[in-house]
């Protein structure tokens, strides 16, 4: 029997994605959607001028990519094991590859839009 060496990689992407999303997403929602209402921020961060200024920073672009990529890999891994628990054992590997491919493509799309897009 051959050991599955890629399993640890995907579990680490799952755990990293869960940590990033659990840590950053509530803060992101609080600041961007309720920050100006609660008086945390002086101006509305979702106003066009403020958003364009904020997104010009490479560090912010990296933050957005990590948030999107972490979410996608966490969701792909979780959905793969939900399908496995529902009895989809024959297509377990192919569905997993498809879900991880979608997560990779989504992360690459976020990378493209953040650094090379308009």
C-alpha atoms as a PDB file:
ATOM      1  CA  UNK A   1       0.000   0.000   0.000  1.00  0.00           C
ATOM      2  CA  UNK A   2       1.366   3.390  -1.029  1.00  0.00           C
ATOM      3  CA  UNK A   3       1.074   6.165   1.561  1.00  0.00           C
ATOM      4  CA  UNK A   4      -0.808   9.286   0.527  1.00  0.00           C
ATOM      5  CA  UNK A   5       1.797  12.028   0.747  1.00  0.00           C
ATOM      6  CA  UNK A   6      -0.397  14.833  -0.605  1.00  0.00           C
ATOM      7  CA  UNK A   7      -2.962  14.530   2.162  1.00  0.00           C
ATOM      8  CA  UNK A   8      -0.872  16.552   4.614  1.00  0.00           C
ATOM      9  CA  UNK A   9      -0.504  19.349   2.073  1.00  0.00           C
ATOM     10  CA  UNK A  10      -4.241  19.636   1.555  1.00  0.00           C
ATOM     11  CA  UNK A  11      -4.960  19.411   5.285  1.00  0.00           C
ATOM     12  CA  UNK A  12      -2.509  22.259   5.873  1.00  0.00           C
ATOM     13  CA  UNK A  13      -4.228  24.353   3.185  1.00  0.00           C
ATOM     14  CA  UNK A  14      -7.542  23.572   4.882  1.00  0.00           C
ATOM     15  CA  UNK A  15      -6.257  24.566   8.308  1.00  0.00           C
ATOM     16  CA  UNK A  16      -4.494  27.657   7.002  1.00  0.00           C
ATOM     17  CA  UNK A  17      -7.589  28.723   5.104  1.00  0.00           C
ATOM     18  CA  UNK A  18      -9.759  28.200   8.166  1.00  0.00           C
ATOM     19  CA  UNK A  19      -7.402  30.260  10.305  1.00  0.00           C
ATOM     20  CA  UNK A  20      -7.150  33.085   7.787  1.00  0.00           C
ATOM     21  CA  UNK A  21     -10.870  33.239   7.159  1.00  0.00           C
ATOM     22  CA  UNK A  22     -11.784  32.975  10.844  1.00  0.00           C
ATOM     23  CA  UNK A  23      -9.304  35.694  11.766  1.00  0.00           C
ATOM     24  CA  UNK A  24      -9.553  38.140   8.867  1.00  0.00           C
ATOM     25  CA  UNK A  25     -13.112  37.900   7.549  1.00  0.00           C
ATOM     26  CA  UNK A  26     -14.896  39.189  10.687  1.00  0.00           C
ATOM     27  CA  UNK A  27     -12.454  42.099  10.930  1.00  0.00           C
ATOM     28  CA  UNK A  28     -12.891  42.806   7.223  1.00  0.00           C
ATOM     29  CA  UNK A  29     -16.674  42.814   7.521  1.00  0.00           C
ATOM     30  CA  UNK A  30     -16.583  44.963  10.657  1.00  0.00           C
ATOM     31  CA  UNK A  31     -14.309  47.585   9.135  1.00  0.00           C
ATOM     32  CA  UNK A  32     -15.735  47.738   5.637  1.00  0.00           C
ATOM     33  CA  UNK A  33     -19.413  47.404   6.300  1.00  0.00           C
ATOM     34  CA  UNK A  34     -19.841  48.910   9.755  1.00  0.00           C
ATOM     35  CA  UNK A  35     -16.664  50.959  10.263  1.00  0.00           C
ATOM     36  CA  UNK A  36     -18.006  54.344   9.241  1.00  0.00           C
ATOM     37  CA  UNK A  37     -21.372  53.751  10.930  1.00  0.00           C
ATOM     38  CA  UNK A  38     -19.755  52.825  14.255  1.00  0.00           C
ATOM     39  CA  UNK A  39     -17.273  55.703  14.058  1.00  0.00           C
ATOM     40  CA  UNK A  40     -14.212  53.456  13.708  1.00  0.00           C
ATOM     41  CA  UNK A  41     -13.339  55.009  10.335  1.00  0.00           C
ATOM     42  CA  UNK A  42     -13.714  58.646   9.381  1.00  0.00           C
ATOM     43  CA  UNK A  43     -14.914  58.071   5.834  1.00  0.00           C
ATOM     44  CA  UNK A  44     -16.861  55.323   4.108  1.00  0.00           C
ATOM     45  CA  UNK A  45     -14.287  52.737   2.982  1.00  0.00           C
ATOM     46  CA  UNK A  46     -16.611  51.497   0.242  1.00  0.00           C
ATOM     47  CA  UNK A  47     -16.767  54.906  -1.449  1.00  0.00           C
ATOM     48  CA  UNK A  48     -15.100  54.750  -4.861  1.00  0.00           C
ATOM     49  CA  UNK A  49     -12.208  57.129  -4.147  1.00  0.00           C
ATOM     50  CA  UNK A  50     -11.403  55.529  -0.802  1.00  0.00           C
ATOM     51  CA  UNK A  51     -11.594  52.025  -2.256  1.00  0.00           C
ATOM     52  CA  UNK A  52      -9.311  52.835  -5.213  1.00  0.00           C
ATOM     53  CA  UNK A  53      -6.786  54.441  -2.878  1.00  0.00           C
ATOM     54  CA  UNK A  54      -6.931  51.456  -0.533  1.00  0.00           C
ATOM     55  CA  UNK A  55      -6.555  48.896  -3.337  1.00  0.00           C
ATOM     56  CA  UNK A  56      -3.477  50.645  -4.776  1.00  0.00           C
ATOM     57  CA  UNK A  57      -1.278  49.235  -2.015  1.00  0.00           C
ATOM     58  CA  UNK A  58       0.550  45.953  -2.792  1.00  0.00           C
ATOM     59  CA  UNK A  59       0.092  44.842   0.824  1.00  0.00           C
ATOM     60  CA  UNK A  60      -3.680  45.234   0.532  1.00  0.00           C
ATOM     61  CA  UNK A  61      -3.644  43.288  -2.736  1.00  0.00           C
ATOM     62  CA  UNK A  62      -1.760  40.489  -0.993  1.00  0.00           C
ATOM     63  CA  UNK A  63      -4.320  40.582   1.840  1.00  0.00           C
ATOM     64  CA  UNK A  64      -7.202  40.207  -0.638  1.00  0.00           C
ATOM     65  CA  UNK A  65      -5.474  37.297  -2.391  1.00  0.00           C
ATOM     66  CA  UNK A  66      -4.818  35.524   0.911  1.00  0.00           C
ATOM     67  CA  UNK A  67      -8.426  36.070   1.987  1.00  0.00           C
ATOM     68  CA  UNK A  68      -9.844  34.742  -1.283  1.00  0.00           C
ATOM     69  CA  UNK A  69      -7.343  31.885  -1.667  1.00  0.00           C
ATOM     70  CA  UNK A  70      -7.712  30.765   1.930  1.00  0.00           C
ATOM     71  CA  UNK A  71     -11.480  30.764   1.614  1.00  0.00           C
ATOM     72  CA  UNK A  72     -11.422  28.773  -1.614  1.00  0.00           C
ATOM     73  CA  UNK A  73      -9.024  26.093  -0.357  1.00  0.00           C
ATOM     74  CA  UNK A  74     -10.859  25.761   2.935  1.00  0.00           C
ATOM     75  CA  UNK A  75     -14.200  25.434   1.152  1.00  0.00           C
ATOM     76  CA  UNK A  76     -12.859  22.947  -1.407  1.00  0.00           C
ATOM     77  CA  UNK A  77     -11.427  20.662   1.265  1.00  0.00           C
ATOM     78  CA  UNK A  78     -14.534  20.851   3.414  1.00  0.00           C
ATOM     79  CA  UNK A  79     -16.848  20.165   0.452  1.00  0.00           C
ATOM     80  CA  UNK A  80     -14.687  17.206  -0.617  1.00  0.00           C
ATOM     81  CA  UNK A  81     -15.096  15.556   2.770  1.00  0.00           C
ATOM     82  CA  UNK A  82     -18.812  16.333   2.882  1.00  0.00           C
ATOM     83  CA  UNK A  83     -19.220  14.466  -0.404  1.00  0.00           C
ATOM     84  CA  UNK A  84     -17.126  11.613   0.982  1.00  0.00           C
ATOM     85  CA  UNK A  85     -19.355  11.441   4.073  1.00  0.00           C
ATOM     86  CA  UNK A  86     -22.431  11.317   1.824  1.00  0.00           C
ATOM     87  CA  UNK A  87     -21.064   8.144   0.229  1.00  0.00           C
ATOM     88  CA  UNK A  88     -19.351   9.457  -2.896  1.00  0.00           C
ATOM     89  CA  UNK A  89     -16.370   7.158  -2.458  1.00  0.00           C
ATOM     90  CA  UNK A  90     -15.761   6.060  -6.058  1.00  0.00           C
ATOM     91  CA  UNK A  91     -15.167   9.563  -7.394  1.00  0.00           C
ATOM     92  CA  UNK A  92     -13.395  10.747  -4.244  1.00  0.00           C
ATOM     93  CA  UNK A  93     -10.044  11.469  -5.904  1.00  0.00           C
ATOM     94  CA  UNK A  94     -11.408  12.978  -9.096  1.00  0.00           C
ATOM     95  CA  UNK A  95     -13.874  15.221  -7.257  1.00  0.00           C
ATOM     96  CA  UNK A  96     -11.089  16.305  -4.922  1.00  0.00           C
ATOM     97  CA  UNK A  97      -8.851  17.173  -7.853  1.00  0.00           C
ATOM     98  CA  UNK A  98     -11.689  19.102  -9.487  1.00  0.00           C
ATOM     99  CA  UNK A  99     -12.417  21.069  -6.312  1.00  0.00           C
ATOM    100  CA  UNK A 100      -8.744  21.881  -5.720  1.00  0.00           C
ATOM    101  CA  UNK A 101      -8.389  22.897  -9.379  1.00  0.00           C
ATOM    102  CA  UNK A 102     -11.300  25.300  -8.926  1.00  0.00           C
ATOM    103  CA  UNK A 103      -9.631  26.709  -5.793  1.00  0.00           C
ATOM    104  CA  UNK A 104      -6.331  27.126  -7.641  1.00  0.00           C
ATOM    105  CA  UNK A 105      -8.025  28.808 -10.612  1.00  0.00           C
ATOM    106  CA  UNK A 106      -9.964  31.125  -8.304  1.00  0.00           C
ATOM    107  CA  UNK A 107      -6.792  32.097  -6.466  1.00  0.00           C
ATOM    108  CA  UNK A 108      -4.958  32.683  -9.744  1.00  0.00           C
ATOM    109  CA  UNK A 109      -7.877  34.784 -10.992  1.00  0.00           C
ATOM    110  CA  UNK A 110      -7.699  36.888  -7.818  1.00  0.00           C
ATOM    111  CA  UNK A 111      -3.946  37.223  -8.310  1.00  0.00           C
ATOM    112  CA  UNK A 112      -4.438  38.305 -11.915  1.00  0.00           C
ATOM    113  CA  UNK A 113      -7.134  40.847 -11.097  1.00  0.00           C
ATOM    114  CA  UNK A 114      -5.214  42.247  -8.139  1.00  0.00           C
ATOM    115  CA  UNK A 115      -1.835  42.722  -9.805  1.00  0.00           C
ATOM    116  CA  UNK A 116      -2.390  42.672 -13.567  1.00  0.00           C
ATOM    117  CA  UNK A 117      -6.015  43.628 -14.014  1.00  0.00           C
ATOM    118  CA  UNK A 118      -7.508  47.073 -14.487  1.00  0.00           C
END
